[in-house]
Amino acid sequence: MKGKKTIDTFSDYMNDEARVSPADRERINFEIALIGKMIEAREQRGMSQRELAEISGVKQPAIARLESMRTTPQIDTLFKVLHPLGYTIEIVPLRQVE
């Protein structure tokens, strides 16, 4: 593969702009952080996925797919799942780079 450097680690892959654009990298990192926080909040409350499904109205298999990152979360689903966990989503400005 001419022109592309060898990739040995996931970090190498994520930091190679020929493969992952800065916008895609930011989206991936956001999803990882968001889903990680969702799992953490559920576990801190001692809830199973099934219990979260019952109080959120989102089916347990959908929660499992979210938590395993096999699906991209839809905004309405996130609000349904996060609200019973005591969270919401907000838009904040990016830090200014000087």
PDB file of N, CA and C in Angstrom:
ATOM      1  N   MET A   1       0.841  -1.164   0.000  1.00  0.00           N
ATOM      2  CA  MET A   1       0.000   0.000   0.000  1.00  0.00           C
ATOM      3  C   MET A   1       0.892   1.235   0.000  1.00  0.00           C
ATOM      4  N   LYS A   2       1.074   1.837  -1.125  1.00  0.00           N
ATOM      5  CA  LYS A   2       1.975   2.959  -1.272  1.00  0.00           C
ATOM      6  C   LYS A   2       1.347   4.231  -0.711  1.00  0.00           C
ATOM      7  N   GLY A   3       2.137   4.987   0.055  1.00  0.00           N
ATOM      8  CA  GLY A   3       1.683   6.259   0.567  1.00  0.00           C
ATOM      9  C   GLY A   3       1.049   6.198   1.948  1.00  0.00           C
ATOM     10  N   LYS A   4       0.657   5.021   2.399  1.00  0.00           N
ATOM     11  CA  LYS A   4       0.066   4.890   3.725  1.00  0.00           C
ATOM     12  C   LYS A   4       1.064   4.213   4.635  1.00  0.00           C
ATOM     13  N   LYS A   5       1.185   4.767   5.840  1.00  0.00           N
ATOM     14  CA  LYS A   5       2.126   4.182   6.786  1.00  0.00           C
ATOM     15  C   LYS A   5       1.546   2.928   7.420  1.00  0.00           C
ATOM     16  N   THR A   6       2.410   2.118   7.980  1.00  0.00           N
ATOM     17  CA  THR A   6       2.012   0.883   8.634  1.00  0.00           C
ATOM     18  C   THR A   6       1.282   1.211   9.927  1.00  0.00           C
ATOM     19  N   ILE A   7       0.217   0.498  10.151  1.00  0.00           N
ATOM     20  CA  ILE A   7      -0.583   0.675  11.355  1.00  0.00           C
ATOM     21  C   ILE A   7      -0.371  -0.544  12.247  1.00  0.00           C
ATOM     22  N   ASP A   8       0.136  -0.282  13.470  1.00  0.00           N
ATOM     23  CA  ASP A   8       0.391  -1.374  14.398  1.00  0.00           C
ATOM     24  C   ASP A   8      -0.602  -1.414  15.554  1.00  0.00           C
ATOM     25  N   THR A   9      -1.202  -0.273  15.877  1.00  0.00           N
ATOM     26  CA  THR A   9      -2.119  -0.220  17.015  1.00  0.00           C
ATOM     27  C   THR A   9      -3.381   0.534  16.627  1.00  0.00           C
ATOM     28  N   PHE A  10      -4.402   0.380  17.460  1.00  0.00           N
ATOM     29  CA  PHE A  10      -5.645   1.126  17.254  1.00  0.00           C
ATOM     30  C   PHE A  10      -5.372   2.617  17.333  1.00  0.00           C
ATOM     31  N   SER A  11      -4.507   3.017  18.253  1.00  0.00           N
ATOM     32  CA  SER A  11      -4.140   4.428  18.390  1.00  0.00           C
ATOM     33  C   SER A  11      -3.492   4.953  17.109  1.00  0.00           C
ATOM     34  N   ASP A  12      -2.621   4.151  16.510  1.00  0.00           N
ATOM     35  CA  ASP A  12      -2.011   4.539  15.230  1.00  0.00           C
ATOM     36  C   ASP A  12      -3.094   4.762  14.176  1.00  0.00           C
ATOM     37  N   TYR A  13      -4.056   3.855  14.133  1.00  0.00           N
ATOM     38  CA  TYR A  13      -5.140   3.952  13.163  1.00  0.00           C
ATOM     39  C   TYR A  13      -5.960   5.226  13.400  1.00  0.00           C
ATOM     40  N   MET A  14      -6.356   5.449  14.660  1.00  0.00           N
ATOM     41  CA  MET A  14      -7.188   6.609  14.987  1.00  0.00           C
ATOM     42  C   MET A  14      -6.478   7.929  14.701  1.00  0.00           C
ATOM     43  N   ASN A  15      -5.157   7.937  14.813  1.00  0.00           N
ATOM     44  CA  ASN A  15      -4.406   9.178  14.626  1.00  0.00           C
ATOM     45  C   ASN A  15      -3.885   9.365  13.206  1.00  0.00           C
ATOM     46  N   ASP A  16      -4.235   8.470  12.312  1.00  0.00           N
ATOM     47  CA  ASP A  16      -3.829   8.581  10.912  1.00  0.00           C
ATOM     48  C   ASP A  16      -4.950   9.299  10.144  1.00  0.00           C
ATOM     49  N   GLU A  17      -4.743  10.575   9.836  1.00  0.00           N
ATOM     50  CA  GLU A  17      -5.783  11.374   9.186  1.00  0.00           C
ATOM     51  C   GLU A  17      -6.121  10.889   7.780  1.00  0.00           C
ATOM     52  N   ALA A  18      -5.269  10.047   7.185  1.00  0.00           N
ATOM     53  CA  ALA A  18      -5.601   9.464   5.891  1.00  0.00           C
ATOM     54  C   ALA A  18      -6.699   8.408   6.042  1.00  0.00           C
ATOM     55  N   ARG A  19      -6.851   7.884   7.242  1.00  0.00           N
ATOM     56  CA  ARG A  19      -7.847   6.849   7.500  1.00  0.00           C
ATOM     57  C   ARG A  19      -9.039   7.362   8.300  1.00  0.00           C
ATOM     58  N   VAL A  20      -8.773   8.215   9.288  1.00  0.00           N
ATOM     59  CA  VAL A  20      -9.834   8.731  10.162  1.00  0.00           C
ATOM     60  C   VAL A  20      -9.709  10.250  10.204  1.00  0.00           C
ATOM     61  N   SER A  21     -10.732  10.928   9.716  1.00  0.00           N
ATOM     62  CA  SER A  21     -10.702  12.393   9.705  1.00  0.00           C
ATOM     63  C   SER A  21     -10.817  12.919  11.140  1.00  0.00           C
ATOM     64  N   PRO A  22     -10.377  14.143  11.369  1.00  0.00           N
ATOM     65  CA  PRO A  22     -10.536  14.726  12.715  1.00  0.00           C
ATOM     66  C   PRO A  22     -11.999  14.729  13.173  1.00  0.00           C
ATOM     67  N   ALA A  23     -12.924  14.995  12.264  1.00  0.00           N
ATOM     68  CA  ALA A  23     -14.342  15.000  12.637  1.00  0.00           C
ATOM     69  C   ALA A  23     -14.806  13.595  13.029  1.00  0.00           C
ATOM     70  N   ASP A  24     -14.394  12.579  12.281  1.00  0.00           N
ATOM     71  CA  ASP A  24     -14.761  11.196  12.627  1.00  0.00           C
ATOM     72  C   ASP A  24     -14.131  10.789  13.952  1.00  0.00           C
ATOM     73  N   ARG A  25     -12.892  11.185  14.170  1.00  0.00           N
ATOM     74  CA  ARG A  25     -12.208  10.867  15.428  1.00  0.00           C
ATOM     75  C   ARG A  25     -12.952  11.500  16.603  1.00  0.00           C
ATOM     76  N   GLU A  26     -13.393  12.743  16.437  1.00  0.00           N
ATOM     77  CA  GLU A  26     -14.132  13.419  17.500  1.00  0.00           C
ATOM     78  C   GLU A  26     -15.464  12.716  17.768  1.00  0.00           C
ATOM     79  N   ARG A  27     -16.164  12.304  16.702  1.00  0.00           N
ATOM     80  CA  ARG A  27     -17.438  11.598  16.861  1.00  0.00           C
ATOM     81  C   ARG A  27     -17.234  10.269  17.585  1.00  0.00           C
ATOM     82  N   ILE A  28     -16.218   9.522  17.191  1.00  0.00           N
ATOM     83  CA  ILE A  28     -15.936   8.231  17.823  1.00  0.00           C
ATOM     84  C   ILE A  28     -15.602   8.416  19.299  1.00  0.00           C
ATOM     85  N   ASN A  29     -14.746   9.372  19.599  1.00  0.00           N
ATOM     86  CA  ASN A  29     -14.378   9.635  20.996  1.00  0.00           C
ATOM     87  C   ASN A  29     -15.584  10.067  21.816  1.00  0.00           C
ATOM     88  N   PHE A  30     -16.473  10.883  21.206  1.00  0.00           N
ATOM     89  CA  PHE A  30     -17.693  11.309  21.891  1.00  0.00           C
ATOM     90  C   PHE A  30     -18.580  10.103  22.203  1.00  0.00           C
ATOM     91  N   GLU A  31     -18.790   9.242  21.228  1.00  0.00           N
ATOM     92  CA  GLU A  31     -19.632   8.060  21.440  1.00  0.00           C
ATOM     93  C   GLU A  31     -19.056   7.159  22.529  1.00  0.00           C
ATOM     94  N   ILE A  32     -17.743   6.974  22.521  1.00  0.00           N
ATOM     95  CA  ILE A  32     -17.105   6.144  23.547  1.00  0.00           C
ATOM     96  C   ILE A  32     -17.331   6.743  24.936  1.00  0.00           C
ATOM     97  N   ALA A  33     -17.128   8.051  25.066  1.00  0.00           N
ATOM     98  CA  ALA A  33     -17.312   8.718  26.361  1.00  0.00           C
ATOM     99  C   ALA A  33     -18.776   8.674  26.797  1.00  0.00           C
ATOM    100  N   LEU A  34     -19.686   8.933  25.866  1.00  0.00           N
ATOM    101  CA  LEU A  34     -21.112   8.960  26.177  1.00  0.00           C
ATOM    102  C   LEU A  34     -21.601   7.586  26.634  1.00  0.00           C
ATOM    103  N   ILE A  35     -21.277   6.560  25.878  1.00  0.00           N
ATOM    104  CA  ILE A  35     -21.727   5.213  26.225  1.00  0.00           C
ATOM    105  C   ILE A  35     -21.065   4.751  27.523  1.00  0.00           C
ATOM    106  N   GLY A  36     -19.796   5.088  27.699  1.00  0.00           N
ATOM    107  CA  GLY A  36     -19.119   4.742  28.950  1.00  0.00           C
ATOM    108  C   GLY A  36     -19.802   5.371  30.150  1.00  0.00           C
ATOM    109  N   LYS A  37     -20.201   6.638  30.017  1.00  0.00           N
ATOM    110  CA  LYS A  37     -20.886   7.327  31.114  1.00  0.00           C
ATOM    111  C   LYS A  37     -22.264   6.717  31.362  1.00  0.00           C
ATOM    112  N   MET A  38     -22.946   6.340  30.288  1.00  0.00           N
ATOM    113  CA  MET A  38     -24.262   5.718  30.426  1.00  0.00           C
ATOM    114  C   MET A  38     -24.157   4.394  31.192  1.00  0.00           C
ATOM    115  N   ILE A  39     -23.188   3.580  30.830  1.00  0.00           N
ATOM    116  CA  ILE A  39     -22.985   2.294  31.520  1.00  0.00           C
ATOM    117  C   ILE A  39     -22.628   2.543  32.985  1.00  0.00           C
ATOM    118  N   GLU A  40     -21.721   3.479  33.214  1.00  0.00           N
ATOM    119  CA  GLU A  40     -21.295   3.810  34.581  1.00  0.00           C
ATOM    120  C   GLU A  40     -22.489   4.257  35.431  1.00  0.00           C
ATOM    121  N   ALA A  41     -23.331   5.132  34.888  1.00  0.00           N
ATOM    122  CA  ALA A  41     -24.494   5.633  35.628  1.00  0.00           C
ATOM    123  C   ALA A  41     -25.470   4.500  35.930  1.00  0.00           C
ATOM    124  N   ARG A  42     -25.699   3.628  34.959  1.00  0.00           N
ATOM    125  CA  ARG A  42     -26.610   2.491  35.175  1.00  0.00           C
ATOM    126  C   ARG A  42     -26.070   1.580  36.265  1.00  0.00           C
ATOM    127  N   GLU A  43     -24.785   1.259  36.189  1.00  0.00           N
ATOM    128  CA  GLU A  43     -24.181   0.355  37.173  1.00  0.00           C
ATOM    129  C   GLU A  43     -24.124   0.987  38.558  1.00  0.00           C
ATOM    130  N   GLN A  44     -23.867   2.296  38.651  1.00  0.00           N
ATOM    131  CA  GLN A  44     -23.841   2.977  39.949  1.00  0.00           C
ATOM    132  C   GLN A  44     -25.203   2.941  40.627  1.00  0.00           C
ATOM    133  N   ARG A  45     -26.249   2.888  39.840  1.00  0.00           N
ATOM    134  CA  ARG A  45     -27.600   2.814  40.383  1.00  0.00           C
ATOM    135  C   ARG A  45     -28.029   1.365  40.621  1.00  0.00           C
ATOM    136  N   GLY A  46     -27.134   0.437  40.329  1.00  0.00           N
ATOM    137  CA  GLY A  46     -27.417  -0.975  40.559  1.00  0.00           C
ATOM    138  C   GLY A  46     -28.487  -1.531  39.632  1.00  0.00           C
ATOM    139  N   MET A  47     -28.623  -0.917  38.459  1.00  0.00           N
ATOM    140  CA  MET A  47     -29.657  -1.340  37.505  1.00  0.00           C
ATOM    141  C   MET A  47     -29.097  -2.311  36.485  1.00  0.00           C
ATOM    142  N   SER A  48     -29.927  -3.254  36.116  1.00  0.00           N
ATOM    143  CA  SER A  48     -29.598  -4.116  34.989  1.00  0.00           C
ATOM    144  C   SER A  48     -30.087  -3.417  33.720  1.00  0.00           C
ATOM    145  N   GLN A  49     -29.667  -3.919  32.585  1.00  0.00           N
ATOM    146  CA  GLN A  49     -30.178  -3.386  31.319  1.00  0.00           C
ATOM    147  C   GLN A  49     -31.690  -3.559  31.250  1.00  0.00           C
ATOM    148  N   ARG A  50     -32.172  -4.672  31.749  1.00  0.00           N
ATOM    149  CA  ARG A  50     -33.610  -4.952  31.718  1.00  0.00           C
ATOM    150  C   ARG A  50     -34.377  -3.928  32.561  1.00  0.00           C
ATOM    151  N   GLU A  51     -33.848  -3.596  33.736  1.00  0.00           N
ATOM    152  CA  GLU A  51     -34.512  -2.603  34.587  1.00  0.00           C
ATOM    153  C   GLU A  51     -34.513  -1.227  33.920  1.00  0.00           C
ATOM    154  N   LEU A  52     -33.394  -0.867  33.299  1.00  0.00           N
ATOM    155  CA  LEU A  52     -33.334   0.408  32.590  1.00  0.00           C
ATOM    156  C   LEU A  52     -34.323   0.412  31.430  1.00  0.00           C
ATOM    157  N   ALA A  53     -34.451  -0.710  30.762  1.00  0.00           N
ATOM    158  CA  ALA A  53     -35.407  -0.821  29.658  1.00  0.00           C
ATOM    159  C   ALA A  53     -36.827  -0.578  30.155  1.00  0.00           C
ATOM    160  N   GLU A  54     -37.165  -1.152  31.285  1.00  0.00           N
ATOM    161  CA  GLU A  54     -38.520  -1.004  31.828  1.00  0.00           C
ATOM    162  C   GLU A  54     -38.846   0.446  32.160  1.00  0.00           C
ATOM    163  N   ILE A  55     -37.920   1.177  32.759  1.00  0.00           N
ATOM    164  CA  ILE A  55     -38.240   2.552  33.161  1.00  0.00           C
ATOM    165  C   ILE A  55     -38.020   3.565  32.041  1.00  0.00           C
ATOM    166  N   SER A  56     -37.258   3.203  31.021  1.00  0.00           N
ATOM    167  CA  SER A  56     -36.994   4.148  29.934  1.00  0.00           C
ATOM    168  C   SER A  56     -37.923   3.952  28.737  1.00  0.00           C
ATOM    169  N   GLY A  57     -38.493   2.765  28.613  1.00  0.00           N
ATOM    170  CA  GLY A  57     -39.326   2.470  27.451  1.00  0.00           C
ATOM    171  C   GLY A  57     -38.527   2.051  26.230  1.00  0.00           C
ATOM    172  N   VAL A  58     -37.222   1.876  26.405  1.00  0.00           N
ATOM    173  CA  VAL A  58     -36.353   1.400  25.321  1.00  0.00           C
ATOM    174  C   VAL A  58     -36.115  -0.082  25.554  1.00  0.00           C
ATOM    175  N   LYS A  59     -36.294  -0.892  24.548  1.00  0.00           N
ATOM    176  CA  LYS A  59     -36.152  -2.344  24.713  1.00  0.00           C
ATOM    177  C   LYS A  59     -34.737  -2.724  25.133  1.00  0.00           C
ATOM    178  N   GLN A  60     -34.641  -3.770  25.951  1.00  0.00           N
ATOM    179  CA  GLN A  60     -33.349  -4.213  26.479  1.00  0.00           C
ATOM    180  C   GLN A  60     -32.358  -4.553  25.373  1.00  0.00           C
ATOM    181  N   PRO A  61     -32.754  -5.227  24.287  1.00  0.00           N
ATOM    182  CA  PRO A  61     -31.775  -5.500  23.236  1.00  0.00           C
ATOM    183  C   PRO A  61     -31.198  -4.205  22.614  1.00  0.00           C
ATOM    184  N   ALA A  62     -32.019  -3.163  22.553  1.00  0.00           N
ATOM    185  CA  ALA A  62     -31.528  -1.877  22.023  1.00  0.00           C
ATOM    186  C   ALA A  62     -30.500  -1.267  22.970  1.00  0.00           C
ATOM    187  N   ILE A  63     -30.738  -1.384  24.271  1.00  0.00           N
ATOM    188  CA  ILE A  63     -29.771  -0.891  25.255  1.00  0.00           C
ATOM    189  C   ILE A  63     -28.478  -1.693  25.146  1.00  0.00           C
ATOM    190  N   ALA A  64     -28.586  -2.999  24.978  1.00  0.00           N
ATOM    191  CA  ALA A  64     -27.394  -3.850  24.823  1.00  0.00           C
ATOM    192  C   ALA A  64     -26.607  -3.441  23.580  1.00  0.00           C
ATOM    193  N   ARG A  65     -27.301  -3.155  22.475  1.00  0.00           N
ATOM    194  CA  ARG A  65     -26.606  -2.727  21.253  1.00  0.00           C
ATOM    195  C   ARG A  65     -25.915  -1.382  21.465  1.00  0.00           C
ATOM    196  N   LEU A  66     -26.565  -0.467  22.189  1.00  0.00           N
ATOM    197  CA  LEU A  66     -25.939   0.820  22.499  1.00  0.00           C
ATOM    198  C   LEU A  66     -24.675   0.615  23.326  1.00  0.00           C
ATOM    199  N   GLU A  67     -24.807  -0.165  24.391  1.00  0.00           N
ATOM    200  CA  GLU A  67     -23.689  -0.360  25.316  1.00  0.00           C
ATOM    201  C   GLU A  67     -22.522  -1.095  24.674  1.00  0.00           C
ATOM    202  N   SER A  68     -22.781  -1.920  23.696  1.00  0.00           N
ATOM    203  CA  SER A  68     -21.693  -2.629  23.017  1.00  0.00           C
ATOM    204  C   SER A  68     -21.202  -1.863  21.790  1.00  0.00           C
ATOM    205  N   MET A  69     -21.786  -0.692  21.565  1.00  0.00           N
ATOM    206  CA  MET A  69     -21.433   0.188  20.447  1.00  0.00           C
ATOM    207  C   MET A  69     -21.622  -0.483  19.089  1.00  0.00           C
ATOM    208  N   ARG A  70     -22.621  -1.340  19.008  1.00  0.00           N
ATOM    209  CA  ARG A  70     -22.955  -1.956  17.726  1.00  0.00           C
ATOM    210  C   ARG A  70     -23.922  -1.105  16.924  1.00  0.00           C
ATOM    211  N   THR A  71     -24.413  -0.038  17.547  1.00  0.00           N
ATOM    212  CA  THR A  71     -25.331   0.866  16.860  1.00  0.00           C
ATOM    213  C   THR A  71     -25.015   2.296  17.266  1.00  0.00           C
ATOM    214  N   THR A  72     -25.292   3.216  16.383  1.00  0.00           N
ATOM    215  CA  THR A  72     -25.113   4.633  16.697  1.00  0.00           C
ATOM    216  C   THR A  72     -26.380   5.117  17.390  1.00  0.00           C
ATOM    217  N   PRO A  73     -26.213   5.717  18.563  1.00  0.00           N
ATOM    218  CA  PRO A  73     -27.405   6.129  19.306  1.00  0.00           C
ATOM    219  C   PRO A  73     -28.164   7.258  18.608  1.00  0.00           C
ATOM    220  N   GLN A  74     -29.478   7.144  18.585  1.00  0.00           N
ATOM    221  CA  GLN A  74     -30.342   8.200  18.079  1.00  0.00           C
ATOM    222  C   GLN A  74     -30.634   9.160  19.237  1.00  0.00           C
ATOM    223  N   ILE A  75     -30.812  10.427  18.924  1.00  0.00           N
ATOM    224  CA  ILE A  75     -31.028  11.446  19.957  1.00  0.00           C
ATOM    225  C   ILE A  75     -32.221  11.100  20.851  1.00  0.00           C
ATOM    226  N   ASP A  76     -33.351  10.735  20.265  1.00  0.00           N
ATOM    227  CA  ASP A  76     -34.530  10.444  21.082  1.00  0.00           C
ATOM    228  C   ASP A  76     -34.291   9.250  22.008  1.00  0.00           C
ATOM    229  N   THR A  77     -33.568   8.257  21.542  1.00  0.00           N
ATOM    230  CA  THR A  77     -33.245   7.099  22.378  1.00  0.00           C
ATOM    231  C   THR A  77     -32.334   7.512  23.526  1.00  0.00           C
ATOM    232  N   LEU A  78     -31.346   8.349  23.232  1.00  0.00           N
ATOM    233  CA  LEU A  78     -30.446   8.819  24.294  1.00  0.00           C
ATOM    234  C   LEU A  78     -31.215   9.538  25.394  1.00  0.00           C
ATOM    235  N   PHE A  79     -32.120  10.433  25.011  1.00  0.00           N
ATOM    236  CA  PHE A  79     -32.902  11.142  26.022  1.00  0.00           C
ATOM    237  C   PHE A  79     -33.728  10.173  26.858  1.00  0.00           C
ATOM    238  N   LYS A  80     -34.342   9.182  26.227  1.00  0.00           N
ATOM    239  CA  LYS A  80     -35.150   8.199  26.948  1.00  0.00           C
ATOM    240  C   LYS A  80     -34.315   7.404  27.947  1.00  0.00           C
ATOM    241  N   VAL A  81     -33.102   7.044  27.550  1.00  0.00           N
ATOM    242  CA  VAL A  81     -32.245   6.218  28.405  1.00  0.00           C
ATOM    243  C   VAL A  81     -31.547   7.058  29.473  1.00  0.00           C
ATOM    244  N   LEU A  82     -31.092   8.241  29.118  1.00  0.00           N
ATOM    245  CA  LEU A  82     -30.331   9.067  30.058  1.00  0.00           C
ATOM    246  C   LEU A  82     -31.198   9.696  31.145  1.00  0.00           C
ATOM    247  N   HIS A  83     -32.422  10.067  30.815  1.00  0.00           N
ATOM    248  CA  HIS A  83     -33.278  10.758  31.793  1.00  0.00           C
ATOM    249  C   HIS A  83     -33.458   9.960  33.087  1.00  0.00           C
ATOM    250  N   PRO A  84     -33.835   8.676  33.031  1.00  0.00           N
ATOM    251  CA  PRO A  84     -33.985   7.929  34.286  1.00  0.00           C
ATOM    252  C   PRO A  84     -32.669   7.739  35.040  1.00  0.00           C
ATOM    253  N   LEU A  85     -31.555   7.940  34.348  1.00  0.00           N
ATOM    254  CA  LEU A  85     -30.247   7.821  34.998  1.00  0.00           C
ATOM    255  C   LEU A  85     -29.802   9.156  35.602  1.00  0.00           C
ATOM    256  N   GLY A  86     -30.621  10.195  35.388  1.00  0.00           N
ATOM    257  CA  GLY A  86     -30.310  11.505  35.953  1.00  0.00           C
ATOM    258  C   GLY A  86     -29.413  12.363  35.074  1.00  0.00           C
ATOM    259  N   TYR A  87     -29.399  12.098  33.776  1.00  0.00           N
ATOM    260  CA  TYR A  87     -28.544  12.840  32.851  1.00  0.00           C
ATOM    261  C   TYR A  87     -29.344  13.398  31.685  1.00  0.00           C
ATOM    262  N   THR A  88     -28.746  14.371  31.025  1.00  0.00           N
ATOM    263  CA  THR A  88     -29.281  14.915  29.789  1.00  0.00           C
ATOM    264  C   THR A  88     -28.098  15.215  28.871  1.00  0.00           C
ATOM    265  N   ILE A  89     -28.396  15.720  27.707  1.00  0.00           N
ATOM    266  CA  ILE A  89     -27.352  16.087  26.745  1.00  0.00           C
ATOM    267  C   ILE A  89     -27.448  17.582  26.520  1.00  0.00           C
ATOM    268  N   GLU A  90     -26.311  18.235  26.421  1.00  0.00           N
ATOM    269  CA  GLU A  90     -26.323  19.653  26.093  1.00  0.00           C
ATOM    270  C   GLU A  90     -25.220  19.958  25.101  1.00  0.00           C
ATOM    271  N   ILE A  91     -25.371  21.073  24.421  1.00  0.00           N
ATOM    272  CA  ILE A  91     -24.372  21.514  23.457  1.00  0.00           C
ATOM    273  C   ILE A  91     -23.548  22.606  24.120  1.00  0.00           C
ATOM    274  N   VAL A  92     -22.247  22.435  24.065  1.00  0.00           N
ATOM    275  CA  VAL A  92     -21.346  23.424  24.664  1.00  0.00           C
ATOM    276  C   VAL A  92     -20.345  23.876  23.604  1.00  0.00           C
ATOM    277  N   PRO A  93     -19.906  25.112  23.699  1.00  0.00           N
ATOM    278  CA  PRO A  93     -18.939  25.588  22.702  1.00  0.00           C
ATOM    279  C   PRO A  93     -17.591  24.878  22.856  1.00  0.00           C
ATOM    280  N   LEU A  94     -16.916  24.719  21.740  1.00  0.00           N
ATOM    281  CA  LEU A  94     -15.563  24.170  21.760  1.00  0.00           C
ATOM    282  C   LEU A  94     -14.633  25.168  22.415  1.00  0.00           C
ATOM    283  N   ARG A  95     -13.594  24.668  23.040  1.00  0.00           N
ATOM    284  CA  ARG A  95     -12.565  25.558  23.596  1.00  0.00           C
ATOM    285  C   ARG A  95     -11.870  26.243  22.448  1.00  0.00           C
ATOM    286  N   GLN A  96     -11.568  27.487  22.628  1.00  0.00           N
ATOM    287  CA  GLN A  96     -10.846  28.240  21.607  1.00  0.00           C
ATOM    288  C   GLN A  96      -9.359  27.882  21.662  1.00  0.00           C
ATOM    289  N   VAL A  97      -8.794  27.562  20.520  1.00  0.00           N
ATOM    290  CA  VAL A  97      -7.376  27.244  20.428  1.00  0.00           C
ATOM    291  C   VAL A  97      -6.636  28.541  20.134  1.00  0.00           C
ATOM    292  N   GLU A  98      -5.634  28.825  20.931  1.00  0.00           N
ATOM    293  CA  GLU A  98      -4.872  30.070  20.731  1.00  0.00           C
ATOM    294  C   GLU A  98      -3.489  29.784  20.237  1.00  0.00           C
TER     295      GLU A  98
END
